[in-house]
C-alpha atoms as a PDB file:
ATOM      1  CA  UNK A   1     102.191  43.136  97.100  1.00  0.00           C
ATOM      2  CA  UNK A   2     101.745  46.277  95.001  1.00  0.00           C
ATOM      3  CA  UNK A   3      98.148  46.650  96.187  1.00  0.00           C
ATOM      4  CA  UNK A   4      99.258  46.493  99.819  1.00  0.00           C
ATOM      5  CA  UNK A   5     101.813  49.232  99.181  1.00  0.00           C
ATOM      6  CA  UNK A   6      99.162  51.426  97.536  1.00  0.00           C
ATOM      7  CA  UNK A   7      96.795  50.898 100.469  1.00  0.00           C
ATOM      8  CA  UNK A   8      99.557  51.701 102.983  1.00  0.00           C
ATOM      9  CA  UNK A   9     100.488  54.864 101.108  1.00  0.00           C
ATOM     10  CA  UNK A  10      96.860  55.973 100.923  1.00  0.00           C
ATOM     11  CA  UNK A  11      96.480  55.465 104.680  1.00  0.00           C
ATOM     12  CA  UNK A  12      99.606  57.538 105.320  1.00  0.00           C
ATOM     13  CA  UNK A  13      98.302  60.410 103.174  1.00  0.00           C
ATOM     14  CA  UNK A  14      94.895  60.402 104.861  1.00  0.00           C
ATOM     15  CA  UNK A  15      96.359  60.069 108.346  1.00  0.00           C
ATOM     16  CA  UNK A  16      99.039  62.703 108.174  1.00  0.00           C
ATOM     17  CA  UNK A  17      98.015  65.229 105.507  1.00  0.00           C
ATOM     18  CA  UNK A  18      96.590  68.568 106.749  1.00  0.00           C
ATOM     19  CA  UNK A  19      92.817  68.928 106.662  1.00  0.00           C
ATOM     20  CA  UNK A  20      91.485  70.722 103.628  1.00  0.00           C
ATOM     21  CA  UNK A  21      88.534  72.441 105.278  1.00  0.00           C
ATOM     22  CA  UNK A  22      88.426  76.234 105.531  1.00  0.00           C
ATOM     23  CA  UNK A  23      89.019  76.036 109.283  1.00  0.00           C
ATOM     24  CA  UNK A  24      92.359  74.282 108.885  1.00  0.00           C
ATOM     25  CA  UNK A  25      94.460  77.406 108.254  1.00  0.00           C
ATOM     26  CA  UNK A  26      97.168  77.693 110.910  1.00  0.00           C
ATOM     27  CA  UNK A  27     100.507  79.361 111.418  1.00  0.00           C
ATOM     28  CA  UNK A  28     103.131  76.694 110.819  1.00  0.00           C
ATOM     29  CA  UNK A  29     103.681  74.441 113.836  1.00  0.00           C
ATOM     30  CA  UNK A  30     107.384  74.485 113.042  1.00  0.00           C
ATOM     31  CA  UNK A  31     107.692  78.280 112.991  1.00  0.00           C
ATOM     32  CA  UNK A  32     110.987  78.968 114.732  1.00  0.00           C
ATOM     33  CA  UNK A  33     111.684  82.163 116.640  1.00  0.00           C
ATOM     34  CA  UNK A  34     114.833  83.427 118.312  1.00  0.00           C
ATOM     35  CA  UNK A  35     115.324  82.667 121.986  1.00  0.00           C
ATOM     36  CA  UNK A  36     115.095  85.804 124.127  1.00  0.00           C
ATOM     37  CA  UNK A  37     116.898  86.126 127.428  1.00  0.00           C
ATOM     38  CA  UNK A  38     114.839  87.181 130.442  1.00  0.00           C
ATOM     39  CA  UNK A  39     114.478  86.486 134.177  1.00  0.00           C
ATOM     40  CA  UNK A  40     115.032  82.750 134.678  1.00  0.00           C
ATOM     41  CA  UNK A  41     117.045  82.178 131.478  1.00  0.00           C
ATOM     42  CA  UNK A  42     120.369  80.352 131.719  1.00  0.00           C
ATOM     43  CA  UNK A  43     123.197  79.612 129.340  1.00  0.00           C
ATOM     44  CA  UNK A  44     125.980  80.980 127.206  1.00  0.00           C
ATOM     45  CA  UNK A  45     123.969  83.892 125.803  1.00  0.00           C
ATOM     46  CA  UNK A  46     123.247  85.082 129.346  1.00  0.00           C
ATOM     47  CA  UNK A  47     126.972  84.887 130.106  1.00  0.00           C
ATOM     48  CA  UNK A  48     127.717  87.067 127.082  1.00  0.00           C
ATOM     49  CA  UNK A  49     125.079  89.590 128.151  1.00  0.00           C
ATOM     50  CA  UNK A  50     126.466  89.709 131.678  1.00  0.00           C
ATOM     51  CA  UNK A  51     130.022  90.155 130.424  1.00  0.00           C
ATOM     52  CA  UNK A  52     129.028  93.017 128.119  1.00  0.00           C
ATOM     53  CA  UNK A  53     127.148  94.713 130.950  1.00  0.00           C
ATOM     54  CA  UNK A  54     130.086  94.139 133.288  1.00  0.00           C
ATOM     55  CA  UNK A  55     132.439  95.748 130.775  1.00  0.00           C
ATOM     56  CA  UNK A  56     130.104  98.754 130.810  1.00  0.00           C
ATOM     57  CA  UNK A  57     130.142  98.896 134.613  1.00  0.00           C
ATOM     58  CA  UNK A  58     126.453  98.061 134.899  1.00  0.00           C
ATOM     59  CA  UNK A  59     126.804  94.509 136.225  1.00  0.00           C
ATOM     60  CA  UNK A  60     129.078  94.117 139.231  1.00  0.00           C
ATOM     61  CA  UNK A  61     128.793  90.500 140.363  1.00  0.00           C
ATOM     62  CA  UNK A  62     130.049  87.182 139.003  1.00  0.00           C
ATOM     63  CA  UNK A  63     129.300  86.202 135.415  1.00  0.00           C
ATOM     64  CA  UNK A  64     127.403  82.964 136.019  1.00  0.00           C
ATOM     65  CA  UNK A  65     125.043  82.558 133.072  1.00  0.00           C
ATOM     66  CA  UNK A  66     121.959  82.903 135.280  1.00  0.00           C
ATOM     67  CA  UNK A  67     119.525  85.695 134.403  1.00  0.00           C
ATOM     68  CA  UNK A  68     118.546  86.794 137.902  1.00  0.00           C
ATOM     69  CA  UNK A  69     117.442  90.037 139.499  1.00  0.00           C
ATOM     70  CA  UNK A  70     120.864  91.700 139.209  1.00  0.00           C
ATOM     71  CA  UNK A  71     121.145  90.870 135.516  1.00  0.00           C
ATOM     72  CA  UNK A  72     117.650  92.203 134.870  1.00  0.00           C
ATOM     73  CA  UNK A  73     118.495  95.357 136.831  1.00  0.00           C
ATOM     74  CA  UNK A  74     121.628  95.865 134.725  1.00  0.00           C
ATOM     75  CA  UNK A  75     119.686  95.293 131.492  1.00  0.00           C
ATOM     76  CA  UNK A  76     117.123  97.889 132.560  1.00  0.00           C
ATOM     77  CA  UNK A  77     119.908 100.382 133.308  1.00  0.00           C
ATOM     78  CA  UNK A  78     121.425  99.734 129.879  1.00  0.00           C
ATOM     79  CA  UNK A  79     118.065 100.138 128.171  1.00  0.00           C
ATOM     80  CA  UNK A  80     117.551 103.491 129.900  1.00  0.00           C
ATOM     81  CA  UNK A  81     120.990 104.638 128.750  1.00  0.00           C
ATOM     82  CA  UNK A  82     120.247 103.696 125.142  1.00  0.00           C
ATOM     83  CA  UNK A  83     116.700 105.051 125.032  1.00  0.00           C
ATOM     84  CA  UNK A  84     115.228 101.583 124.542  1.00  0.00           C
ATOM     85  CA  UNK A  85     111.987 100.239 125.961  1.00  0.00           C
ATOM     86  CA  UNK A  86     112.824  99.511 129.621  1.00  0.00           C
ATOM     87  CA  UNK A  87     111.444  96.040 130.311  1.00  0.00           C
ATOM     88  CA  UNK A  88     114.471  94.103 131.567  1.00  0.00           C
ATOM     89  CA  UNK A  89     114.230  91.631 128.654  1.00  0.00           C
ATOM     90  CA  UNK A  90     117.275  91.128 126.447  1.00  0.00           C
ATOM     91  CA  UNK A  91     115.371  91.047 123.163  1.00  0.00           C
ATOM     92  CA  UNK A  92     116.666  91.769 119.648  1.00  0.00           C
ATOM     93  CA  UNK A  93     116.901  95.560 120.115  1.00  0.00           C
ATOM     94  CA  UNK A  94     118.804  95.263 123.386  1.00  0.00           C
ATOM     95  CA  UNK A  95     121.110  92.516 122.101  1.00  0.00           C
ATOM     96  CA  UNK A  96     121.865  94.571 118.995  1.00  0.00           C
ATOM     97  CA  UNK A  97     122.709  97.598 121.140  1.00  0.00           C
ATOM     98  CA  UNK A  98     125.014  95.383 123.208  1.00  0.00           C
ATOM     99  CA  UNK A  99     126.734  94.208 120.054  1.00  0.00           C
ATOM    100  CA  UNK A 100     125.369  90.676 120.393  1.00  0.00           C
ATOM    101  CA  UNK A 101     123.488  88.658 117.802  1.00  0.00           C
ATOM    102  CA  UNK A 102     119.904  87.590 118.437  1.00  0.00           C
ATOM    103  CA  UNK A 103     120.078  85.139 115.593  1.00  0.00           C
ATOM    104  CA  UNK A 104     119.034  81.536 115.467  1.00  0.00           C
ATOM    105  CA  UNK A 105     118.510  78.987 112.736  1.00  0.00           C
ATOM    106  CA  UNK A 106     115.078  80.223 111.768  1.00  0.00           C
ATOM    107  CA  UNK A 107     114.178  80.425 108.098  1.00  0.00           C
ATOM    108  CA  UNK A 108     113.712  83.727 106.292  1.00  0.00           C
ATOM    109  CA  UNK A 109     109.958  83.161 106.134  1.00  0.00           C
ATOM    110  CA  UNK A 110     109.501  82.319 109.802  1.00  0.00           C
ATOM    111  CA  UNK A 111     111.740  85.201 110.850  1.00  0.00           C
ATOM    112  CA  UNK A 112     109.663  87.535 108.686  1.00  0.00           C
ATOM    113  CA  UNK A 113     106.417  86.357 110.292  1.00  0.00           C
ATOM    114  CA  UNK A 114     107.893  86.637 113.776  1.00  0.00           C
ATOM    115  CA  UNK A 115     109.146  90.162 113.156  1.00  0.00           C
ATOM    116  CA  UNK A 116     105.833  91.237 111.653  1.00  0.00           C
ATOM    117  CA  UNK A 117     103.840  89.825 114.565  1.00  0.00           C
ATOM    118  CA  UNK A 118     106.106  91.629 117.045  1.00  0.00           C
ATOM    119  CA  UNK A 119     105.751  94.813 115.000  1.00  0.00           C
ATOM    120  CA  UNK A 120     101.946  94.806 114.927  1.00  0.00           C
ATOM    121  CA  UNK A 121     101.800  93.975 118.644  1.00  0.00           C
ATOM    122  CA  UNK A 122     104.106  96.892 119.393  1.00  0.00           C
ATOM    123  CA  UNK A 123     102.168  99.247 117.135  1.00  0.00           C
ATOM    124  CA  UNK A 124      98.762  98.280 118.524  1.00  0.00           C
ATOM    125  CA  UNK A 125      99.567  97.529 122.185  1.00  0.00           C
ATOM    126  CA  UNK A 126     102.901  99.104 123.119  1.00  0.00           C
ATOM    127  CA  UNK A 127     101.331 100.810 126.150  1.00  0.00           C
ATOM    128  CA  UNK A 128      99.362  97.781 127.329  1.00  0.00           C
ATOM    129  CA  UNK A 129     100.332  95.221 129.961  1.00  0.00           C
ATOM    130  CA  UNK A 130     102.412  92.253 128.849  1.00  0.00           C
ATOM    131  CA  UNK A 131      99.325  90.021 128.943  1.00  0.00           C
ATOM    132  CA  UNK A 132      97.503  92.579 126.810  1.00  0.00           C
ATOM    133  CA  UNK A 133     100.325  92.513 124.273  1.00  0.00           C
ATOM    134  CA  UNK A 134     100.231  88.711 124.024  1.00  0.00           C
ATOM    135  CA  UNK A 135      96.440  88.883 123.646  1.00  0.00           C
ATOM    136  CA  UNK A 136      96.754  91.199 120.631  1.00  0.00           C
ATOM    137  CA  UNK A 137      99.241  88.776 119.083  1.00  0.00           C
ATOM    138  CA  UNK A 138      96.852  85.915 119.740  1.00  0.00           C
ATOM    139  CA  UNK A 139      94.032  87.760 117.956  1.00  0.00           C
ATOM    140  CA  UNK A 140      96.226  88.128 114.875  1.00  0.00           C
ATOM    141  CA  UNK A 141      96.998  84.393 114.916  1.00  0.00           C
ATOM    142  CA  UNK A 142      93.348  83.530 115.557  1.00  0.00           C
ATOM    143  CA  UNK A 143      92.469  85.451 112.415  1.00  0.00           C
ATOM    144  CA  UNK A 144      95.033  83.498 110.400  1.00  0.00           C
ATOM    145  CA  UNK A 145      93.266  80.312 111.539  1.00  0.00           C
ATOM    146  CA  UNK A 146      89.753  81.684 110.917  1.00  0.00           C
ATOM    147  CA  UNK A 147      88.035  81.108 107.541  1.00  0.00           C
ATOM    148  CA  UNK A 148      86.762  84.703 107.397  1.00  0.00           C
ATOM    149  CA  UNK A 149      90.276  86.174 107.226  1.00  0.00           C
ATOM    150  CA  UNK A 150      93.376  85.772 105.039  1.00  0.00           C
ATOM    151  CA  UNK A 151      95.327  82.603 105.797  1.00  0.00           C
ATOM    152  CA  UNK A 152      98.750  84.230 106.125  1.00  0.00           C
ATOM    153  CA  UNK A 153     100.052  86.477 108.850  1.00  0.00           C
ATOM    154  CA  UNK A 154     100.989  89.250 106.418  1.00  0.00           C
ATOM    155  CA  UNK A 155      97.564  88.983 104.797  1.00  0.00           C
ATOM    156  CA  UNK A 156      95.865  89.470 108.161  1.00  0.00           C
ATOM    157  CA  UNK A 157      98.077  92.353 109.274  1.00  0.00           C
ATOM    158  CA  UNK A 158      97.802  94.267 106.002  1.00  0.00           C
ATOM    159  CA  UNK A 159      94.139  93.519 105.315  1.00  0.00           C
ATOM    160  CA  UNK A 160      92.608  96.926 104.467  1.00  0.00           C
ATOM    161  CA  UNK A 161      90.977  98.560 107.461  1.00  0.00           C
ATOM    162  CA  UNK A 162      91.991  95.794 109.876  1.00  0.00           C
ATOM    163  CA  UNK A 163      94.415  97.695 112.114  1.00  0.00           C
ATOM    164  CA  UNK A 164      94.574 101.436 112.752  1.00  0.00           C
ATOM    165  CA  UNK A 165      98.348 101.193 113.239  1.00  0.00           C
ATOM    166  CA  UNK A 166      98.756 100.600 109.507  1.00  0.00           C
ATOM    167  CA  UNK A 167      96.958 103.855 108.705  1.00  0.00           C
ATOM    168  CA  UNK A 168      98.495 106.109 111.362  1.00  0.00           C
ATOM    169  CA  UNK A 169     102.087 104.978 110.819  1.00  0.00           C
ATOM    170  CA  UNK A 170     102.562 103.300 114.212  1.00  0.00           C
ATOM    171  CA  UNK A 171     103.518 100.111 112.356  1.00  0.00           C
ATOM    172  CA  UNK A 172     106.772 101.838 111.365  1.00  0.00           C
ATOM    173  CA  UNK A 173     107.820 102.772 114.901  1.00  0.00           C
ATOM    174  CA  UNK A 174     110.638 100.868 116.674  1.00  0.00           C
ATOM    175  CA  UNK A 175     109.518  97.565 118.193  1.00  0.00           C
ATOM    176  CA  UNK A 176     109.509  97.349 121.984  1.00  0.00           C
ATOM    177  CA  UNK A 177     111.533  94.362 123.215  1.00  0.00           C
ATOM    178  CA  UNK A 178     108.617  93.117 125.303  1.00  0.00           C
ATOM    179  CA  UNK A 179     106.637  92.760 122.082  1.00  0.00           C
ATOM    180  CA  UNK A 180     109.197  90.333 120.670  1.00  0.00           C
ATOM    181  CA  UNK A 181     108.651  88.162 123.719  1.00  0.00           C
ATOM    182  CA  UNK A 182     104.875  88.637 123.441  1.00  0.00           C
ATOM    183  CA  UNK A 183     105.034  87.466 119.814  1.00  0.00           C
ATOM    184  CA  UNK A 184     106.992  84.411 120.859  1.00  0.00           C
ATOM    185  CA  UNK A 185     104.507  83.555 123.604  1.00  0.00           C
ATOM    186  CA  UNK A 186     101.570  83.970 121.215  1.00  0.00           C
ATOM    187  CA  UNK A 187     103.266  81.746 118.642  1.00  0.00           C
ATOM    188  CA  UNK A 188     103.874  79.199 121.376  1.00  0.00           C
ATOM    189  CA  UNK A 189     100.114  79.005 121.957  1.00  0.00           C
ATOM    190  CA  UNK A 190      99.338  81.372 124.827  1.00  0.00           C
ATOM    191  CA  UNK A 191      95.994  83.057 124.126  1.00  0.00           C
ATOM    192  CA  UNK A 192      94.907  85.416 126.925  1.00  0.00           C
ATOM    193  CA  UNK A 193      92.134  86.724 124.627  1.00  0.00           C
ATOM    194  CA  UNK A 194      90.084  83.555 125.026  1.00  0.00           C
ATOM    195  CA  UNK A 195      89.943  82.892 121.296  1.00  0.00           C
ATOM    196  CA  UNK A 196      88.989  86.428 120.232  1.00  0.00           C
ATOM    197  CA  UNK A 197      89.214  87.545 116.619  1.00  0.00           C
ATOM    198  CA  UNK A 198      88.498  91.232 117.328  1.00  0.00           C
ATOM    199  CA  UNK A 199      89.507  93.792 119.924  1.00  0.00           C
ATOM    200  CA  UNK A 200      88.961  97.509 120.359  1.00  0.00           C
ATOM    201  CA  UNK A 201      89.426 100.364 122.780  1.00  0.00           C
ATOM    202  CA  UNK A 202      85.910 101.489 123.812  1.00  0.00           C
ATOM    203  CA  UNK A 203      87.239 104.936 124.699  1.00  0.00           C
ATOM    204  CA  UNK A 204      88.562 105.494 121.179  1.00  0.00           C
ATOM    205  CA  UNK A 205      85.951 104.094 118.817  1.00  0.00           C
ATOM    206  CA  UNK A 206      82.340 104.903 118.062  1.00  0.00           C
ATOM    207  CA  UNK A 207      82.024 102.168 115.444  1.00  0.00           C
ATOM    208  CA  UNK A 208      78.623 100.581 116.043  1.00  0.00           C
ATOM    209  CA  UNK A 209      79.499  97.309 114.346  1.00  0.00           C
ATOM    210  CA  UNK A 210      82.557  96.530 116.458  1.00  0.00           C
ATOM    211  CA  UNK A 211      80.635  97.543 119.587  1.00  0.00           C
ATOM    212  CA  UNK A 212      77.998  94.966 118.683  1.00  0.00           C
ATOM    213  CA  UNK A 213      80.453  92.076 118.842  1.00  0.00           C
ATOM    214  CA  UNK A 214      80.085  89.701 121.842  1.00  0.00           C
ATOM    215  CA  UNK A 215      82.744  90.624 124.420  1.00  0.00           C
ATOM    216  CA  UNK A 216      84.848  87.758 125.770  1.00  0.00           C
ATOM    217  CA  UNK A 217      86.916  89.748 128.243  1.00  0.00           C
ATOM    218  CA  UNK A 218      88.672  93.017 128.928  1.00  0.00           C
ATOM    219  CA  UNK A 219      92.456  93.295 129.257  1.00  0.00           C
ATOM    220  CA  UNK A 220      93.715  96.788 129.981  1.00  0.00           C
ATOM    221  CA  UNK A 221      92.207  99.265 127.541  1.00  0.00           C
ATOM    222  CA  UNK A 222      91.030  96.638 125.070  1.00  0.00           C
ATOM    223  CA  UNK A 223      87.806  94.645 124.861  1.00  0.00           C
ATOM    224  CA  UNK A 224      88.372  91.268 123.157  1.00  0.00           C
ATOM    225  CA  UNK A 225      85.450  89.947 121.126  1.00  0.00           C
ATOM    226  CA  UNK A 226      84.283  86.981 119.087  1.00  0.00           C
END
């Protein structure tokens, strides 16, 4: 009986333990991130947003908990008033300005990774399209999973010479709300970069090595490379 138990336990360990190869590094599958309200969202948080905007005179129809065109329009108006990034998404910055919490039940570690990913996306791709922002986030996560790079998100972001935003101080600028959503989408598995582990702006670099990398695709001002 004891032998059968040992065999069963060994099978469980082999079947469900993470692989130990260098290519097995991944961002945790259970990484939780706050829910952001945007066009199509429904629920109590949307009701609270609508009520706050209505109190401010920016939302003039029924509070129904449905994030439609009128809610997005009111959010954009509020963002303009507060000098926030105008994207119509009720992300952490907008919710904070409204006096609402963007909290969830995420752990301190996962929240830290989420915030850092949003921060590097904003610093590196604030002026890019939304797809371009998600692609930059995906590159960061692809590096975490790649054996040639550090196996933590912070290790990748702060690897010396990896991102110009660390050197020029852009990493310390306020995070655009769209970049929070871009971070969430990247963490959820969307990779517009096609699996890239590098990207660069060909108009801003003369580095011969990065220009030698095989290009996968172009999104906005960035070339994404393997």
